[in-house]
C-alpha atoms as a PDB file:
ATOM      1  CA  MET A   1     -10.740 -12.636  24.332  1.00  0.00           C
ATOM      2  CA  THR A   2      -9.587 -16.208  24.345  1.00  0.00           C
ATOM      3  CA  GLN A   3      -8.665 -18.046  21.256  1.00  0.00           C
ATOM      4  CA  SER A   4     -11.694 -20.317  21.513  1.00  0.00           C
ATOM      5  CA  THR A   5     -13.914 -17.212  21.667  1.00  0.00           C
ATOM      6  CA  ALA A   6     -12.163 -15.413  18.772  1.00  0.00           C
ATOM      7  CA  ALA A   7     -12.548 -18.649  16.650  1.00  0.00           C
ATOM      8  CA  ALA A   8     -16.169 -18.743  17.438  1.00  0.00           C
ATOM      9  CA  ALA A   9     -16.652 -15.223  16.482  1.00  0.00           C
ATOM     10  CA  GLY A  10     -14.648 -15.658  13.301  1.00  0.00           C
ATOM     11  CA  GLU A  11     -16.828 -18.610  12.458  1.00  0.00           C
ATOM     12  CA  LYS A  12     -19.999 -16.625  13.013  1.00  0.00           C
ATOM     13  CA  THR A  13     -18.692 -13.778  10.909  1.00  0.00           C
ATOM     14  CA  ASP A  14     -17.821 -16.191   8.017  1.00  0.00           C
ATOM     15  CA  ALA A  15     -21.206 -17.888   8.280  1.00  0.00           C
ATOM     16  CA  ALA A  16     -23.073 -14.556   8.173  1.00  0.00           C
ATOM     17  CA  ALA A  17     -21.080 -13.335   5.164  1.00  0.00           C
ATOM     18  CA  PRO A  18     -22.898 -14.003   1.825  1.00  0.00           C
ATOM     19  CA  PRO A  19     -21.108 -16.330  -0.533  1.00  0.00           C
ATOM     20  CA  PRO A  20     -19.098 -14.771  -3.161  1.00  0.00           C
ATOM     21  CA  ARG A  21     -20.887 -14.393  -6.426  1.00  0.00           C
ATOM     22  CA  ARG A  22     -19.217 -16.435  -9.206  1.00  0.00           C
ATOM     23  CA  ARG A  23     -18.962 -15.255 -12.754  1.00  0.00           C
ATOM     24  CA  PRO A  24     -18.983 -17.585 -15.763  1.00  0.00           C
ATOM     25  CA  ALA A  25     -15.710 -18.366 -17.180  1.00  0.00           C
ATOM     26  CA  LEU A  26     -14.828 -16.748 -20.492  1.00  0.00           C
ATOM     27  CA  GLY A  27     -14.211 -20.081 -22.031  1.00  0.00           C
ATOM     28  CA  LEU A  28     -17.709 -21.174 -21.159  1.00  0.00           C
ATOM     29  CA  ARG A  29     -19.360 -18.019 -22.594  1.00  0.00           C
ATOM     30  CA  ALA A  30     -17.287 -18.563 -25.787  1.00  0.00           C
ATOM     31  CA  ASP A  31     -18.593 -22.144 -26.057  1.00  0.00           C
ATOM     32  CA  ILE A  32     -22.202 -21.050 -25.479  1.00  0.00           C
ATOM     33  CA  ARG A  33     -21.736 -18.272 -28.221  1.00  0.00           C
ATOM     34  CA  THR A  34     -20.224 -20.863 -30.629  1.00  0.00           C
ATOM     35  CA  LEU A  35     -23.141 -23.387 -29.899  1.00  0.00           C
ATOM     36  CA  SER A  36     -25.622 -20.502 -30.484  1.00  0.00           C
ATOM     37  CA  LEU A  37     -24.081 -19.609 -33.863  1.00  0.00           C
ATOM     38  CA  LEU A  38     -24.000 -23.294 -34.926  1.00  0.00           C
ATOM     39  CA  GLY A  39     -27.738 -23.364 -34.025  1.00  0.00           C
ATOM     40  CA  VAL A  40     -28.450 -20.284 -36.106  1.00  0.00           C
ATOM     41  CA  LEU A  41     -26.629 -21.926 -38.956  1.00  0.00           C
ATOM     42  CA  ALA A  42     -28.485 -25.150 -38.482  1.00  0.00           C
ATOM     43  CA  ILE A  43     -31.831 -23.332 -38.648  1.00  0.00           C
ATOM     44  CA  LEU A  44     -30.941 -21.509 -41.855  1.00  0.00           C
ATOM     45  CA  ALA A  45     -29.940 -25.071 -43.181  1.00  0.00           C
ATOM     46  CA  ILE A  46     -33.332 -26.382 -42.280  1.00  0.00           C
ATOM     47  CA  VAL A  47     -34.988 -23.308 -43.782  1.00  0.00           C
ATOM     48  CA  GLY A  48     -33.099 -23.684 -47.011  1.00  0.00           C
ATOM     49  CA  GLY A  49     -33.760 -27.376 -47.260  1.00  0.00           C
ATOM     50  CA  ALA A  50     -37.464 -26.884 -46.609  1.00  0.00           C
ATOM     51  CA  THR A  51     -38.066 -24.063 -49.195  1.00  0.00           C
ATOM     52  CA  LYS A  52     -35.700 -25.287 -51.944  1.00  0.00           C
ATOM     53  CA  PRO A  53     -34.637 -28.864 -51.045  1.00  0.00           C
ATOM     54  CA  ASP A  54     -33.550 -29.893 -54.575  1.00  0.00           C
ATOM     55  CA  GLN A  55     -31.461 -26.888 -55.089  1.00  0.00           C
ATOM     56  CA  PHE A  56     -30.106 -25.871 -51.599  1.00  0.00           C
ATOM     57  CA  LEU A  57     -29.139 -29.298 -50.597  1.00  0.00           C
ATOM     58  CA  ALA A  58     -27.315 -30.059 -53.807  1.00  0.00           C
ATOM     59  CA  VAL A  59     -23.584 -30.568 -53.528  1.00  0.00           C
ATOM     60  CA  SER A  60     -22.914 -27.873 -56.204  1.00  0.00           C
ATOM     61  CA  ASN A  61     -24.723 -25.408 -54.305  1.00  0.00           C
ATOM     62  CA  LEU A  62     -23.015 -26.155 -51.022  1.00  0.00           C
ATOM     63  CA  GLN A  63     -19.639 -25.838 -52.819  1.00  0.00           C
ATOM     64  CA  LEU A  64     -20.943 -22.520 -54.042  1.00  0.00           C
ATOM     65  CA  VAL A  65     -21.791 -21.240 -50.592  1.00  0.00           C
ATOM     66  CA  LEU A  66     -18.389 -22.301 -49.232  1.00  0.00           C
ATOM     67  CA  THR A  67     -16.682 -20.827 -52.236  1.00  0.00           C
ATOM     68  CA  GLN A  68     -18.451 -17.413 -51.830  1.00  0.00           C
ATOM     69  CA  ALA A  69     -17.669 -17.518 -48.088  1.00  0.00           C
ATOM     70  CA  SER A  70     -14.056 -18.037 -48.788  1.00  0.00           C
ATOM     71  CA  VAL A  71     -13.117 -14.453 -50.138  1.00  0.00           C
ATOM     72  CA  ILE A  72     -14.917 -12.453 -47.437  1.00  0.00           C
ATOM     73  CA  GLY A  73     -14.037 -15.111 -44.824  1.00  0.00           C
ATOM     74  CA  ILE A  74     -10.340 -14.449 -45.308  1.00  0.00           C
ATOM     75  CA  VAL A  75     -10.850 -10.726 -45.102  1.00  0.00           C
ATOM     76  CA  THR A  76     -12.883 -11.215 -41.930  1.00  0.00           C
ATOM     77  CA  VAL A  77      -9.989 -13.199 -40.305  1.00  0.00           C
ATOM     78  CA  GLY A  78      -7.650 -10.182 -40.701  1.00  0.00           C
ATOM     79  CA  MET A  79     -10.413  -7.803 -39.742  1.00  0.00           C
ATOM     80  CA  THR A  80     -10.953  -9.900 -36.478  1.00  0.00           C
ATOM     81  CA  PHE A  81      -7.371  -9.342 -35.418  1.00  0.00           C
ATOM     82  CA  VAL A  82      -7.798  -5.529 -35.966  1.00  0.00           C
ATOM     83  CA  ILE A  83     -10.877  -5.208 -34.072  1.00  0.00           C
ATOM     84  CA  ILE A  84      -9.595  -7.344 -31.136  1.00  0.00           C
ATOM     85  CA  SER A  85      -6.764  -4.769 -30.846  1.00  0.00           C
ATOM     86  CA  GLY A  86      -9.217  -1.979 -30.594  1.00  0.00           C
ATOM     87  CA  GLY A  87      -8.838  -0.818 -34.074  1.00  0.00           C
ATOM     88  CA  ILE A  88     -11.007  -0.792 -37.257  1.00  0.00           C
ATOM     89  CA  ASP A  89     -10.177  -1.175 -40.977  1.00  0.00           C
ATOM     90  CA  LEU A  90     -12.775   0.450 -43.368  1.00  0.00           C
ATOM     91  CA  SER A  91     -10.297   0.086 -46.460  1.00  0.00           C
ATOM     92  CA  VAL A  92     -10.443  -3.802 -46.854  1.00  0.00           C
ATOM     93  CA  GLY A  93     -12.830  -3.672 -49.707  1.00  0.00           C
ATOM     94  CA  ALA A  94     -10.809  -0.914 -51.593  1.00  0.00           C
ATOM     95  CA  ILE A  95      -7.661  -2.947 -50.886  1.00  0.00           C
ATOM     96  CA  VAL A  96      -9.113  -6.013 -52.412  1.00  0.00           C
ATOM     97  CA  ALA A  97     -10.173  -3.953 -55.536  1.00  0.00           C
ATOM     98  CA  LEU A  98      -6.818  -2.327 -55.837  1.00  0.00           C
ATOM     99  CA  ALA A  99      -4.883  -5.528 -55.420  1.00  0.00           C
ATOM    100  CA  SER A 100      -7.229  -7.491 -57.971  1.00  0.00           C
ATOM    101  CA  VAL A 101      -6.933  -4.829 -60.720  1.00  0.00           C
ATOM    102  CA  TRP A 102      -3.118  -4.316 -60.201  1.00  0.00           C
ATOM    103  CA  ALA A 103      -2.559  -8.004 -60.299  1.00  0.00           C
ATOM    104  CA  THR A 104      -4.556  -8.314 -63.638  1.00  0.00           C
ATOM    105  CA  THR A 105      -3.030  -5.603 -65.750  1.00  0.00           C
ATOM    106  CA  VAL A 106      -1.490  -6.713 -68.996  1.00  0.00           C
ATOM    107  CA  ALA A 107       2.002  -6.080 -67.740  1.00  0.00           C
ATOM    108  CA  THR A 108       1.430  -8.152 -64.675  1.00  0.00           C
ATOM    109  CA  GLN A 109       0.127 -10.984 -66.370  1.00  0.00           C
ATOM    110  CA  GLU A 110       3.177 -11.372 -68.598  1.00  0.00           C
ATOM    111  CA  TYR A 111       4.899 -12.795 -65.576  1.00  0.00           C
ATOM    112  CA  GLY A 112       2.319 -15.607 -65.244  1.00  0.00           C
ATOM    113  CA  PHE A 113       0.809 -17.327 -62.271  1.00  0.00           C
ATOM    114  CA  ALA A 114       3.653 -16.157 -59.885  1.00  0.00           C
ATOM    115  CA  GLY A 115       3.395 -12.635 -61.073  1.00  0.00           C
ATOM    116  CA  VAL A 116      -0.380 -12.381 -60.404  1.00  0.00           C
ATOM    117  CA  LEU A 117      -0.208 -13.977 -56.983  1.00  0.00           C
ATOM    118  CA  PHE A 118       2.813 -11.835 -55.889  1.00  0.00           C
ATOM    119  CA  THR A 119       1.371  -8.549 -57.066  1.00  0.00           C
ATOM    120  CA  ALA A 120      -1.897  -9.171 -55.266  1.00  0.00           C
ATOM    121  CA  LEU A 121      -0.098  -9.939 -52.086  1.00  0.00           C
ATOM    122  CA  ILE A 122       2.440  -7.215 -52.241  1.00  0.00           C
ATOM    123  CA  VAL A 123      -0.356  -4.554 -52.936  1.00  0.00           C
ATOM    124  CA  GLY A 124      -2.381  -5.795 -49.991  1.00  0.00           C
ATOM    125  CA  VAL A 125       0.632  -5.681 -47.542  1.00  0.00           C
ATOM    126  CA  GLY A 126       1.792  -2.279 -49.015  1.00  0.00           C
ATOM    127  CA  CYS A 127      -1.649  -0.847 -48.234  1.00  0.00           C
ATOM    128  CA  GLY A 128      -1.701  -2.466 -44.810  1.00  0.00           C
ATOM    129  CA  LEU A 129       1.794  -0.826 -44.193  1.00  0.00           C
ATOM    130  CA  VAL A 130       0.569   2.578 -45.110  1.00  0.00           C
ATOM    131  CA  ASN A 131      -2.424   2.080 -42.715  1.00  0.00           C
ATOM    132  CA  GLY A 132      -0.121   0.778 -39.965  1.00  0.00           C
ATOM    133  CA  LEU A 133       2.206   3.697 -40.202  1.00  0.00           C
ATOM    134  CA  LEU A 134      -0.316   6.299 -40.188  1.00  0.00           C
ATOM    135  CA  ILE A 135      -2.125   4.788 -37.220  1.00  0.00           C
ATOM    136  CA  ALA A 136       0.601   3.471 -35.033  1.00  0.00           C
ATOM    137  CA  TYR A 137       3.429   6.063 -35.770  1.00  0.00           C
ATOM    138  CA  GLY A 138       1.405   8.836 -37.275  1.00  0.00           C
ATOM    139  CA  GLY A 139      -1.149   9.131 -34.420  1.00  0.00           C
ATOM    140  CA  MET A 140      -4.125   9.180 -36.698  1.00  0.00           C
ATOM    141  CA  VAL A 141      -7.488   7.715 -35.701  1.00  0.00           C
ATOM    142  CA  PRO A 142      -7.915   4.256 -37.358  1.00  0.00           C
ATOM    143  CA  PHE A 143     -11.422   5.274 -38.621  1.00  0.00           C
ATOM    144  CA  ILE A 144      -9.877   8.432 -40.470  1.00  0.00           C
ATOM    145  CA  ALA A 145      -6.661   6.781 -41.793  1.00  0.00           C
ATOM    146  CA  THR A 146      -8.524   3.756 -43.255  1.00  0.00           C
ATOM    147  CA  LEU A 147     -11.349   5.808 -44.594  1.00  0.00           C
ATOM    148  CA  ALA A 148      -8.657   7.833 -46.406  1.00  0.00           C
ATOM    149  CA  MET A 149      -7.210   4.615 -47.790  1.00  0.00           C
ATOM    150  CA  LEU A 150     -10.653   3.438 -48.897  1.00  0.00           C
ATOM    151  CA  ALA A 151     -11.119   6.565 -50.901  1.00  0.00           C
ATOM    152  CA  ALA A 152      -7.519   6.484 -52.365  1.00  0.00           C
ATOM    153  CA  GLY A 153      -7.689   2.867 -52.996  1.00  0.00           C
ATOM    154  CA  ARG A 154     -10.909   3.032 -54.961  1.00  0.00           C
ATOM    155  CA  GLY A 155      -9.594   5.960 -56.930  1.00  0.00           C
ATOM    156  CA  LEU A 156      -6.427   4.306 -57.942  1.00  0.00           C
ATOM    157  CA  ALA A 157      -8.189   1.164 -58.876  1.00  0.00           C
ATOM    158  CA  LEU A 158     -10.679   3.190 -61.085  1.00  0.00           C
ATOM    159  CA  GLN A 159      -7.628   4.990 -62.720  1.00  0.00           C
ATOM    160  CA  ILE A 160      -5.762   1.745 -63.524  1.00  0.00           C
ATOM    161  CA  THR A 161      -8.733   0.088 -65.107  1.00  0.00           C
ATOM    162  CA  ASP A 162     -10.394   3.273 -66.632  1.00  0.00           C
ATOM    163  CA  GLY A 163     -13.591   1.765 -65.541  1.00  0.00           C
ATOM    164  CA  ARG A 164     -13.078  -1.446 -67.723  1.00  0.00           C
ATOM    165  CA  THR A 165     -12.954  -5.098 -66.734  1.00  0.00           C
ATOM    166  CA  GLN A 166      -9.525  -6.702 -66.960  1.00  0.00           C
ATOM    167  CA  MET A 167      -9.699 -10.250 -68.098  1.00  0.00           C
ATOM    168  CA  VAL A 168      -7.399 -12.950 -66.978  1.00  0.00           C
ATOM    169  CA  THR A 169      -5.408 -14.827 -69.677  1.00  0.00           C
ATOM    170  CA  VAL A 170      -3.122 -16.932 -67.314  1.00  0.00           C
ATOM    171  CA  GLU A 171      -4.011 -20.500 -67.627  1.00  0.00           C
ATOM    172  CA  GLY A 172      -2.675 -21.505 -64.284  1.00  0.00           C
ATOM    173  CA  VAL A 173      -4.897 -18.884 -62.549  1.00  0.00           C
ATOM    174  CA  LEU A 174      -8.104 -19.848 -64.511  1.00  0.00           C
ATOM    175  CA  LYS A 175      -7.581 -23.520 -64.001  1.00  0.00           C
ATOM    176  CA  LEU A 176      -7.889 -23.088 -60.023  1.00  0.00           C
ATOM    177  CA  GLY A 177     -11.503 -22.114 -60.598  1.00  0.00           C
ATOM    178  CA  GLU A 178     -12.335 -25.139 -62.651  1.00  0.00           C
ATOM    179  CA  HIS A 179     -14.023 -28.206 -61.370  1.00  0.00           C
ATOM    180  CA  ASP A 180     -11.050 -30.415 -62.410  1.00  0.00           C
ATOM    181  CA  ALA A 181      -8.956 -28.585 -59.649  1.00  0.00           C
ATOM    182  CA  TYR A 182     -11.158 -29.708 -56.805  1.00  0.00           C
ATOM    183  CA  VAL A 183      -9.608 -31.852 -54.195  1.00  0.00           C
ATOM    184  CA  LEU A 184     -12.011 -34.627 -53.009  1.00  0.00           C
ATOM    185  CA  GLY A 185     -14.938 -32.471 -54.138  1.00  0.00           C
ATOM    186  CA  ILE A 186     -13.651 -29.515 -52.338  1.00  0.00           C
ATOM    187  CA  PRO A 187     -12.838 -26.276 -54.266  1.00  0.00           C
ATOM    188  CA  PRO A 188      -9.168 -25.019 -53.957  1.00  0.00           C
ATOM    189  CA  LEU A 189     -10.579 -21.590 -52.649  1.00  0.00           C
ATOM    190  CA  VAL A 190     -12.294 -23.492 -49.825  1.00  0.00           C
ATOM    191  CA  LEU A 191      -8.980 -25.221 -48.969  1.00  0.00           C
ATOM    192  CA  VAL A 192      -7.171 -21.738 -48.795  1.00  0.00           C
ATOM    193  CA  PHE A 193      -9.989 -20.308 -46.449  1.00  0.00           C
ATOM    194  CA  ALA A 194      -9.656 -23.264 -44.220  1.00  0.00           C
ATOM    195  CA  ALA A 195      -5.813 -22.923 -44.119  1.00  0.00           C
ATOM    196  CA  VAL A 196      -6.106 -19.290 -43.181  1.00  0.00           C
ATOM    197  CA  THR A 197      -8.617 -19.834 -40.545  1.00  0.00           C
ATOM    198  CA  VAL A 198      -6.544 -22.544 -38.872  1.00  0.00           C
ATOM    199  CA  VAL A 199      -3.486 -20.318 -38.950  1.00  0.00           C
ATOM    200  CA  GLY A 200      -5.501 -17.395 -37.644  1.00  0.00           C
ATOM    201  CA  TRP A 201      -6.809 -19.413 -34.808  1.00  0.00           C
ATOM    202  CA  LEU A 202      -3.353 -20.686 -33.947  1.00  0.00           C
ATOM    203  CA  VAL A 203      -1.870 -17.248 -33.952  1.00  0.00           C
ATOM    204  CA  LEU A 204      -4.590 -15.788 -31.875  1.00  0.00           C
ATOM    205  CA  ASN A 205      -4.800 -18.585 -29.322  1.00  0.00           C
ATOM    206  CA  ARG A 206      -1.377 -20.179 -29.221  1.00  0.00           C
ATOM    207  CA  THR A 207       1.114 -17.363 -29.854  1.00  0.00           C
ATOM    208  CA  THR A 208       2.544 -14.271 -27.971  1.00  0.00           C
ATOM    209  CA  PHE A 209       1.413 -12.205 -30.909  1.00  0.00           C
ATOM    210  CA  GLY A 210      -2.240 -13.216 -30.175  1.00  0.00           C
ATOM    211  CA  ARG A 211      -1.887 -12.494 -26.528  1.00  0.00           C
ATOM    212  CA  ARG A 212      -0.416  -9.181 -27.177  1.00  0.00           C
ATOM    213  CA  SER A 213      -3.191  -8.242 -29.590  1.00  0.00           C
ATOM    214  CA  VAL A 214      -5.761  -8.971 -26.972  1.00  0.00           C
ATOM    215  CA  ALA A 215      -3.762  -7.010 -24.275  1.00  0.00           C
ATOM    216  CA  VAL A 216      -3.465  -3.957 -26.619  1.00  0.00           C
ATOM    217  CA  GLY A 217      -7.302  -4.040 -27.313  1.00  0.00           C
ATOM    218  CA  GLY A 218      -8.117  -4.691 -23.524  1.00  0.00           C
ATOM    219  CA  ASN A 219      -5.977  -1.729 -22.169  1.00  0.00           C
ATOM    220  CA  ALA A 220      -3.412  -0.122 -24.454  1.00  0.00           C
ATOM    221  CA  GLU A 221      -1.774   1.733 -21.568  1.00  0.00           C
ATOM    222  CA  ALA A 222      -1.507  -1.240 -19.311  1.00  0.00           C
ATOM    223  CA  ALA A 223      -0.059  -3.325 -22.274  1.00  0.00           C
ATOM    224  CA  ARG A 224       2.738  -0.532 -22.695  1.00  0.00           C
ATOM    225  CA  LEU A 225       3.518  -0.579 -19.030  1.00  0.00           C
ATOM    226  CA  ALA A 226       3.754  -4.365 -19.201  1.00  0.00           C
ATOM    227  CA  GLY A 227       6.627  -4.055 -21.770  1.00  0.00           C
ATOM    228  CA  ILE A 228       4.608  -4.416 -25.093  1.00  0.00           C
ATOM    229  CA  ASP A 229       5.495  -2.223 -27.970  1.00  0.00           C
ATOM    230  CA  VAL A 230       2.033  -1.047 -28.655  1.00  0.00           C
ATOM    231  CA  ARG A 231       2.807   0.989 -31.837  1.00  0.00           C
ATOM    232  CA  ARG A 232       4.738  -1.998 -33.356  1.00  0.00           C
ATOM    233  CA  GLN A 233       1.896  -4.460 -32.494  1.00  0.00           C
ATOM    234  CA  ARG A 234      -0.565  -2.254 -34.201  1.00  0.00           C
ATOM    235  CA  LEU A 235       1.696  -1.849 -37.296  1.00  0.00           C
ATOM    236  CA  TYR A 236       1.840  -5.699 -37.424  1.00  0.00           C
ATOM    237  CA  LEU A 237      -1.951  -6.033 -37.266  1.00  0.00           C
ATOM    238  CA  TYR A 238      -2.618  -3.737 -40.131  1.00  0.00           C
ATOM    239  CA  LEU A 239       0.056  -5.585 -42.083  1.00  0.00           C
ATOM    240  CA  LEU A 240      -1.813  -8.797 -41.255  1.00  0.00           C
ATOM    241  CA  SER A 241      -5.048  -7.382 -42.526  1.00  0.00           C
ATOM    242  CA  GLY A 242      -3.477  -6.170 -45.737  1.00  0.00           C
ATOM    243  CA  LEU A 243      -2.046  -9.607 -46.367  1.00  0.00           C
ATOM    244  CA  CYS A 244      -5.475 -11.217 -45.789  1.00  0.00           C
ATOM    245  CA  CYS A 245      -6.970  -8.735 -48.378  1.00  0.00           C
ATOM    246  CA  GLY A 246      -4.211  -9.577 -50.832  1.00  0.00           C
ATOM    247  CA  ILE A 247      -4.985 -13.302 -50.443  1.00  0.00           C
ATOM    248  CA  ALA A 248      -8.651 -12.565 -50.790  1.00  0.00           C
ATOM    249  CA  ALA A 249      -8.045 -10.573 -53.959  1.00  0.00           C
ATOM    250  CA  PHE A 250      -6.146 -13.410 -55.688  1.00  0.00           C
ATOM    251  CA  LEU A 251      -9.082 -15.799 -54.824  1.00  0.00           C
ATOM    252  CA  LEU A 252     -11.540 -13.244 -56.193  1.00  0.00           C
ATOM    253  CA  ILE A 253      -9.387 -13.231 -59.440  1.00  0.00           C
ATOM    254  CA  VAL A 254      -9.558 -16.996 -59.615  1.00  0.00           C
ATOM    255  CA  LEU A 255     -13.300 -16.927 -58.846  1.00  0.00           C
ATOM    256  CA  SER A 256     -14.268 -14.268 -61.448  1.00  0.00           C
ATOM    257  CA  GLY A 257     -11.538 -14.611 -63.992  1.00  0.00           C
ATOM    258  CA  SER A 258     -11.172 -10.875 -64.021  1.00  0.00           C
ATOM    259  CA  GLY A 259     -10.129  -7.682 -62.140  1.00  0.00           C
ATOM    260  CA  GLN A 260     -12.506  -4.936 -61.581  1.00  0.00           C
ATOM    261  CA  ASN A 261     -12.505  -1.646 -59.666  1.00  0.00           C
ATOM    262  CA  THR A 262     -15.861  -2.481 -58.151  1.00  0.00           C
ATOM    263  CA  ASN A 263     -14.447  -5.769 -56.439  1.00  0.00           C
ATOM    264  CA  GLY A 264     -14.783  -5.890 -52.854  1.00  0.00           C
ATOM    265  CA  ASN A 265     -17.670  -3.523 -52.517  1.00  0.00           C
ATOM    266  CA  LEU A 266     -18.897  -3.349 -49.003  1.00  0.00           C
ATOM    267  CA  TYR A 267     -16.588  -5.953 -47.909  1.00  0.00           C
ATOM    268  CA  GLU A 268     -15.662  -3.799 -44.877  1.00  0.00           C
ATOM    269  CA  LEU A 269     -19.190  -3.757 -43.765  1.00  0.00           C
ATOM    270  CA  ASP A 270     -19.608  -7.521 -44.185  1.00  0.00           C
ATOM    271  CA  ALA A 271     -16.478  -8.381 -42.504  1.00  0.00           C
ATOM    272  CA  ILE A 272     -17.157  -6.164 -39.425  1.00  0.00           C
ATOM    273  CA  ALA A 273     -20.595  -7.502 -39.177  1.00  0.00           C
ATOM    274  CA  ALA A 274     -19.362 -11.134 -39.306  1.00  0.00           C
ATOM    275  CA  ALA A 275     -16.910 -10.381 -36.670  1.00  0.00           C
ATOM    276  CA  ILE A 276     -19.501  -8.704 -34.395  1.00  0.00           C
ATOM    277  CA  ILE A 277     -22.058 -11.512 -34.532  1.00  0.00           C
ATOM    278  CA  GLY A 278     -19.111 -13.983 -34.043  1.00  0.00           C
ATOM    279  CA  GLY A 279     -18.548 -12.315 -30.623  1.00  0.00           C
ATOM    280  CA  THR A 280     -15.796  -9.916 -31.377  1.00  0.00           C
ATOM    281  CA  LEU A 281     -16.114  -6.743 -29.243  1.00  0.00           C
ATOM    282  CA  LEU A 282     -15.941  -3.481 -31.165  1.00  0.00           C
ATOM    283  CA  THR A 283     -14.180  -1.961 -28.157  1.00  0.00           C
ATOM    284  CA  GLY A 284     -11.352  -4.519 -28.367  1.00  0.00           C
ATOM    285  CA  GLY A 285     -10.027  -7.002 -26.038  1.00  0.00           C
ATOM    286  CA  ARG A 286     -12.139 -10.010 -27.021  1.00  0.00           C
ATOM    287  CA  GLY A 287     -12.944 -11.951 -30.137  1.00  0.00           C
ATOM    288  CA  THR A 288     -12.617 -15.561 -31.766  1.00  0.00           C
ATOM    289  CA  ILE A 289     -11.732 -16.566 -35.140  1.00  0.00           C
ATOM    290  CA  VAL A 290     -14.279 -19.528 -35.249  1.00  0.00           C
ATOM    291  CA  GLY A 291     -17.026 -17.036 -34.221  1.00  0.00           C
ATOM    292  CA  SER A 292     -16.085 -14.736 -37.174  1.00  0.00           C
ATOM    293  CA  VAL A 293     -15.979 -17.493 -39.540  1.00  0.00           C
ATOM    294  CA  LEU A 294     -19.412 -18.883 -38.459  1.00  0.00           C
ATOM    295  CA  GLY A 295     -20.694 -15.288 -38.806  1.00  0.00           C
ATOM    296  CA  VAL A 296     -19.434 -15.444 -42.407  1.00  0.00           C
ATOM    297  CA  LEU A 297     -21.193 -18.662 -43.139  1.00  0.00           C
ATOM    298  CA  ILE A 298     -24.492 -17.382 -41.672  1.00  0.00           C
ATOM    299  CA  PHE A 299     -24.488 -14.345 -43.893  1.00  0.00           C
ATOM    300  CA  THR A 300     -23.432 -16.216 -46.989  1.00  0.00           C
ATOM    301  CA  THR A 301     -26.095 -18.840 -46.141  1.00  0.00           C
ATOM    302  CA  ILE A 302     -28.767 -16.141 -45.918  1.00  0.00           C
ATOM    303  CA  THR A 303     -27.711 -14.637 -49.149  1.00  0.00           C
ATOM    304  CA  ASN A 304     -27.898 -18.003 -50.982  1.00  0.00           C
ATOM    305  CA  ILE A 305     -31.345 -18.803 -49.437  1.00  0.00           C
ATOM    306  CA  PHE A 306     -32.646 -15.366 -50.667  1.00  0.00           C
ATOM    307  CA  ALA A 307     -31.306 -15.939 -54.128  1.00  0.00           C
ATOM    308  CA  LEU A 308     -32.734 -19.274 -54.411  1.00  0.00           C
ATOM    309  CA  ASN A 309     -36.140 -18.224 -53.526  1.00  0.00           C
ATOM    310  CA  ASN A 310     -35.999 -14.879 -55.693  1.00  0.00           C
ATOM    311  CA  LEU A 311     -36.482 -12.720 -52.771  1.00  0.00           C
ATOM    312  CA  GLU A 312     -35.615  -9.052 -52.999  1.00  0.00           C
ATOM    313  CA  SER A 313     -32.094  -8.004 -51.938  1.00  0.00           C
ATOM    314  CA  ALA A 314     -33.566  -5.038 -49.814  1.00  0.00           C
ATOM    315  CA  THR A 315     -35.402  -7.696 -47.625  1.00  0.00           C
ATOM    316  CA  GLN A 316     -32.046  -9.723 -47.351  1.00  0.00           C
ATOM    317  CA  GLN A 317     -30.198  -6.399 -46.246  1.00  0.00           C
ATOM    318  CA  ILE A 318     -32.933  -5.945 -43.476  1.00  0.00           C
ATOM    319  CA  ALA A 319     -32.462  -9.411 -42.159  1.00  0.00           C
ATOM    320  CA  LYS A 320     -28.763  -8.805 -41.892  1.00  0.00           C
ATOM    321  CA  GLY A 321     -29.431  -5.536 -40.185  1.00  0.00           C
ATOM    322  CA  ALA A 322     -31.540  -7.136 -37.719  1.00  0.00           C
ATOM    323  CA  ILE A 323     -29.081  -9.875 -37.016  1.00  0.00           C
ATOM    324  CA  ILE A 324     -26.381  -7.271 -36.404  1.00  0.00           C
ATOM    325  CA  VAL A 325     -28.556  -5.346 -34.040  1.00  0.00           C
ATOM    326  CA  ALA A 326     -29.434  -8.411 -32.035  1.00  0.00           C
ATOM    327  CA  ALA A 327     -25.796  -9.528 -31.800  1.00  0.00           C
ATOM    328  CA  VAL A 328     -24.678  -6.061 -30.432  1.00  0.00           C
ATOM    329  CA  LEU A 329     -27.501  -6.157 -27.869  1.00  0.00           C
ATOM    330  CA  ILE A 330     -26.399  -9.668 -26.631  1.00  0.00           C
ATOM    331  CA  GLN A 331     -22.759  -8.391 -26.533  1.00  0.00           C
ATOM    332  CA  ARG A 332     -23.802  -5.501 -24.329  1.00  0.00           C
ATOM    333  CA  ARG A 333     -25.620  -7.589 -21.907  1.00  0.00           C
ATOM    334  CA  THR A 334     -22.916 -10.145 -21.748  1.00  0.00           C
ATOM    335  CA  THR A 335     -20.363  -7.389 -21.186  1.00  0.00           C
ATOM    336  CA  ARG A 336     -22.320  -6.038 -18.281  1.00  0.00           C
ATOM    337  CA  GLN A 337     -22.596  -9.358 -16.679  1.00  0.00           C
END
């Protein structure tokens, strides 16, 4: 066969072959998902403005929505990292409760503002350390280890408070929740939430730590063969989740002016739900901080609209459940594609 004949045959074969099927880039999918979440948030804003225009659109109400989103939002940032790595943390609500009551005991408050803040953070990190050691080095399943921490944390919080509410007497802590502490009309809690969100986004998208977290969640064995210390990475991730819980506990103390063993009730479910509708895969390997934050804002806005319209909480829970189911179905379809 001559070169010209071979070339002609090759051209014929190439022409007959079907063009390769192109997959949409992950970045494009993420952009579409973010725009979809923003669309849902815009629709909720329109509904709230149409049903209760004087109340929903008031500056004070918008400040309230953002303030309420701040506490669970910070917890969700930590939860997002854990889920991206293929783990789960069912103990975040209990850690918030334990950190809040430990930081508001009479003995702790004697050390003032610094004592309350330090105690909340160190309790959160300590609980995260226990979770991380049990999961990464103890070989326990994350579901079981964090479920045990949930039970132990709630029990210890109840024992510390004896079922009573511990009031905050530190002036510096109480002043953070007052209107005079607002910066350009923005509550300090919202500024902390924004700072944690920005740092979380940078860590996930611009650092080796973030890339390792995604790699561990995508395929832990492949990550290990690539030289990543999977156990140490998982330990760090649960430490990060505990730190976020400690920050959230301090903000909750500022917001409520007290510490209670019932604080953080069902935070684990709200955080997981917000991360899921934000695009984080429960199986790990994919997720965004921006999506998770938008998920928190969507749930908080729904709660606010239902409260303003005096609707039953049962209906609100049904609406949240429907949103979670829809988000999971969309995720499954996107994953198949």
